[in-house]
Amino acid sequence: MLGLVNLLLAVLQIYSLVIFVYVLLSWIPNKVGILVEIDNFLGKVCDPFLNIFKKFIPPIGGMVDISPIIALIVLQLAGRLIVSIF
């Protein structure tokens, strides 16, 4: 059981890192070459989860999207919940 918990925690940490990289790539205005492919892949992986939060959290000032921050907090809380249950 402990191995499964560690696996779940590792998956949550990796997914958090993927979201973080996706957000950093969004700051690059003119992506070319491999960055376009990476951005497209990360978008397919991250957008379904991030869109859950984008529905409820409007951008601040019409431009600043804080939904990735909330998504990362939710992932961290999920990890803590898993640890506290097991």
C-alpha atoms as a PDB file:
ATOM      1  CA  MET A   1       0.000   0.000   0.000  1.00  0.00           C
ATOM      2  CA  LEU A   2       2.858   2.346   0.793  1.00  0.00           C
ATOM      3  CA  GLY A   3       4.239   1.862  -2.709  1.00  0.00           C
ATOM      4  CA  LEU A   4       0.914   2.922  -4.228  1.00  0.00           C
ATOM      5  CA  VAL A   5       0.811   6.036  -2.055  1.00  0.00           C
ATOM      6  CA  ASN A   6       4.349   6.955  -3.087  1.00  0.00           C
ATOM      7  CA  LEU A   7       3.435   6.405  -6.736  1.00  0.00           C
ATOM      8  CA  LEU A   8       0.384   8.678  -6.434  1.00  0.00           C
ATOM      9  CA  LEU A   9       2.458  11.366  -4.731  1.00  0.00           C
ATOM     10  CA  ALA A  10       5.112  11.131  -7.450  1.00  0.00           C
ATOM     11  CA  VAL A  11       2.453  11.467 -10.158  1.00  0.00           C
ATOM     12  CA  LEU A  12       1.019  14.549  -8.425  1.00  0.00           C
ATOM     13  CA  GLN A  13       4.479  16.116  -8.173  1.00  0.00           C
ATOM     14  CA  ILE A  14       5.284  15.401 -11.812  1.00  0.00           C
ATOM     15  CA  TYR A  15       1.939  16.807 -12.936  1.00  0.00           C
ATOM     16  CA  SER A  16       2.561  19.923 -10.843  1.00  0.00           C
ATOM     17  CA  LEU A  17       5.919  20.338 -12.551  1.00  0.00           C
ATOM     18  CA  VAL A  18       4.294  19.893 -15.972  1.00  0.00           C
ATOM     19  CA  ILE A  19       1.759  22.633 -15.163  1.00  0.00           C
ATOM     20  CA  PHE A  20       4.572  24.898 -13.959  1.00  0.00           C
ATOM     21  CA  VAL A  21       6.553  24.394 -17.198  1.00  0.00           C
ATOM     22  CA  TYR A  22       3.389  24.991 -19.240  1.00  0.00           C
ATOM     23  CA  VAL A  23       2.834  28.302 -17.454  1.00  0.00           C
ATOM     24  CA  LEU A  24       6.445  29.338 -17.996  1.00  0.00           C
ATOM     25  CA  LEU A  25       6.161  28.528 -21.702  1.00  0.00           C
ATOM     26  CA  SER A  26       3.067  30.687 -21.939  1.00  0.00           C
ATOM     27  CA  TRP A  27       5.269  33.695 -21.188  1.00  0.00           C
ATOM     28  CA  ILE A  28       7.344  33.140 -24.328  1.00  0.00           C
ATOM     29  CA  PRO A  29       5.652  35.217 -27.037  1.00  0.00           C
ATOM     30  CA  ASN A  30       7.124  33.851 -30.276  1.00  0.00           C
ATOM     31  CA  LYS A  31       7.636  30.123 -29.945  1.00  0.00           C
ATOM     32  CA  VAL A  32       9.443  28.424 -32.815  1.00  0.00           C
ATOM     33  CA  GLY A  33      10.597  24.903 -33.554  1.00  0.00           C
ATOM     34  CA  ILE A  34      10.492  22.417 -30.744  1.00  0.00           C
ATOM     35  CA  LEU A  35       8.924  24.918 -28.328  1.00  0.00           C
ATOM     36  CA  VAL A  36       5.729  24.881 -30.390  1.00  0.00           C
ATOM     37  CA  GLU A  37       5.554  21.091 -30.175  1.00  0.00           C
ATOM     38  CA  ILE A  38       6.243  21.096 -26.434  1.00  0.00           C
ATOM     39  CA  ASP A  39       3.639  23.800 -25.873  1.00  0.00           C
ATOM     40  CA  ASN A  40       1.028  21.880 -27.872  1.00  0.00           C
ATOM     41  CA  PHE A  41       1.732  18.664 -25.973  1.00  0.00           C
ATOM     42  CA  LEU A  42       1.647  20.351 -22.573  1.00  0.00           C
ATOM     43  CA  GLY A  43      -1.564  22.118 -23.564  1.00  0.00           C
ATOM     44  CA  LYS A  44      -3.218  18.787 -24.289  1.00  0.00           C
ATOM     45  CA  VAL A  45      -2.040  17.452 -20.933  1.00  0.00           C
ATOM     46  CA  CYS A  46      -2.723  20.509 -18.753  1.00  0.00           C
ATOM     47  CA  ASP A  47      -5.688  22.328 -20.287  1.00  0.00           C
ATOM     48  CA  PRO A  48      -8.403  19.815 -19.295  1.00  0.00           C
ATOM     49  CA  PHE A  49      -7.440  20.200 -15.621  1.00  0.00           C
ATOM     50  CA  LEU A  50      -6.828  23.952 -15.797  1.00  0.00           C
ATOM     51  CA  ASN A  51     -10.121  24.577 -17.605  1.00  0.00           C
ATOM     52  CA  ILE A  52     -11.984  23.346 -14.518  1.00  0.00           C
ATOM     53  CA  PHE A  53     -10.615  26.321 -12.600  1.00  0.00           C
ATOM     54  CA  LYS A  54     -10.869  28.787 -15.483  1.00  0.00           C
ATOM     55  CA  LYS A  55     -14.641  28.301 -15.450  1.00  0.00           C
ATOM     56  CA  PHE A  56     -14.890  29.651 -11.905  1.00  0.00           C
ATOM     57  CA  ILE A  57     -11.962  32.067 -11.621  1.00  0.00           C
ATOM     58  CA  PRO A  58     -11.984  35.074 -13.940  1.00  0.00           C
ATOM     59  CA  PRO A  59      -8.675  36.645 -14.971  1.00  0.00           C
ATOM     60  CA  ILE A  60      -7.538  39.457 -12.701  1.00  0.00           C
ATOM     61  CA  GLY A  61      -7.699  42.751 -14.559  1.00  0.00           C
ATOM     62  CA  GLY A  62      -8.840  40.852 -17.619  1.00  0.00           C
ATOM     63  CA  MET A  63      -5.303  39.591 -18.304  1.00  0.00           C
ATOM     64  CA  VAL A  64      -3.725  37.730 -15.382  1.00  0.00           C
ATOM     65  CA  ASP A  65      -4.925  34.132 -15.137  1.00  0.00           C
ATOM     66  CA  ILE A  66      -4.464  32.740 -11.631  1.00  0.00           C
ATOM     67  CA  SER A  67      -6.136  29.404 -12.341  1.00  0.00           C
ATOM     68  CA  PRO A  68      -2.766  27.569 -12.556  1.00  0.00           C
ATOM     69  CA  ILE A  69      -1.920  28.777  -9.060  1.00  0.00           C
ATOM     70  CA  ILE A  70      -5.217  27.462  -7.708  1.00  0.00           C
ATOM     71  CA  ALA A  71      -4.727  24.202  -9.631  1.00  0.00           C
ATOM     72  CA  LEU A  72      -1.278  23.738  -8.088  1.00  0.00           C
ATOM     73  CA  ILE A  73      -2.687  24.416  -4.618  1.00  0.00           C
ATOM     74  CA  VAL A  74      -5.412  21.810  -5.219  1.00  0.00           C
ATOM     75  CA  LEU A  75      -2.797  19.272  -6.297  1.00  0.00           C
ATOM     76  CA  GLN A  76      -0.767  19.973  -3.162  1.00  0.00           C
ATOM     77  CA  LEU A  77      -3.852  19.596  -0.980  1.00  0.00           C
ATOM     78  CA  ALA A  78      -4.692  16.325  -2.723  1.00  0.00           C
ATOM     79  CA  GLY A  79      -1.203  15.060  -1.930  1.00  0.00           C
ATOM     80  CA  ARG A  80      -1.581  16.018   1.709  1.00  0.00           C
ATOM     81  CA  LEU A  81      -4.975  14.332   1.848  1.00  0.00           C
ATOM     82  CA  ILE A  82      -3.506  11.141   0.425  1.00  0.00           C
ATOM     83  CA  VAL A  83      -0.712  11.188   2.985  1.00  0.00           C
ATOM     84  CA  SER A  84      -3.082  11.835   5.883  1.00  0.00           C
ATOM     85  CA  ILE A  85      -5.442   9.017   4.852  1.00  0.00           C
ATOM     86  CA  PHE A  86      -2.714   6.426   4.442  1.00  0.00           C
END
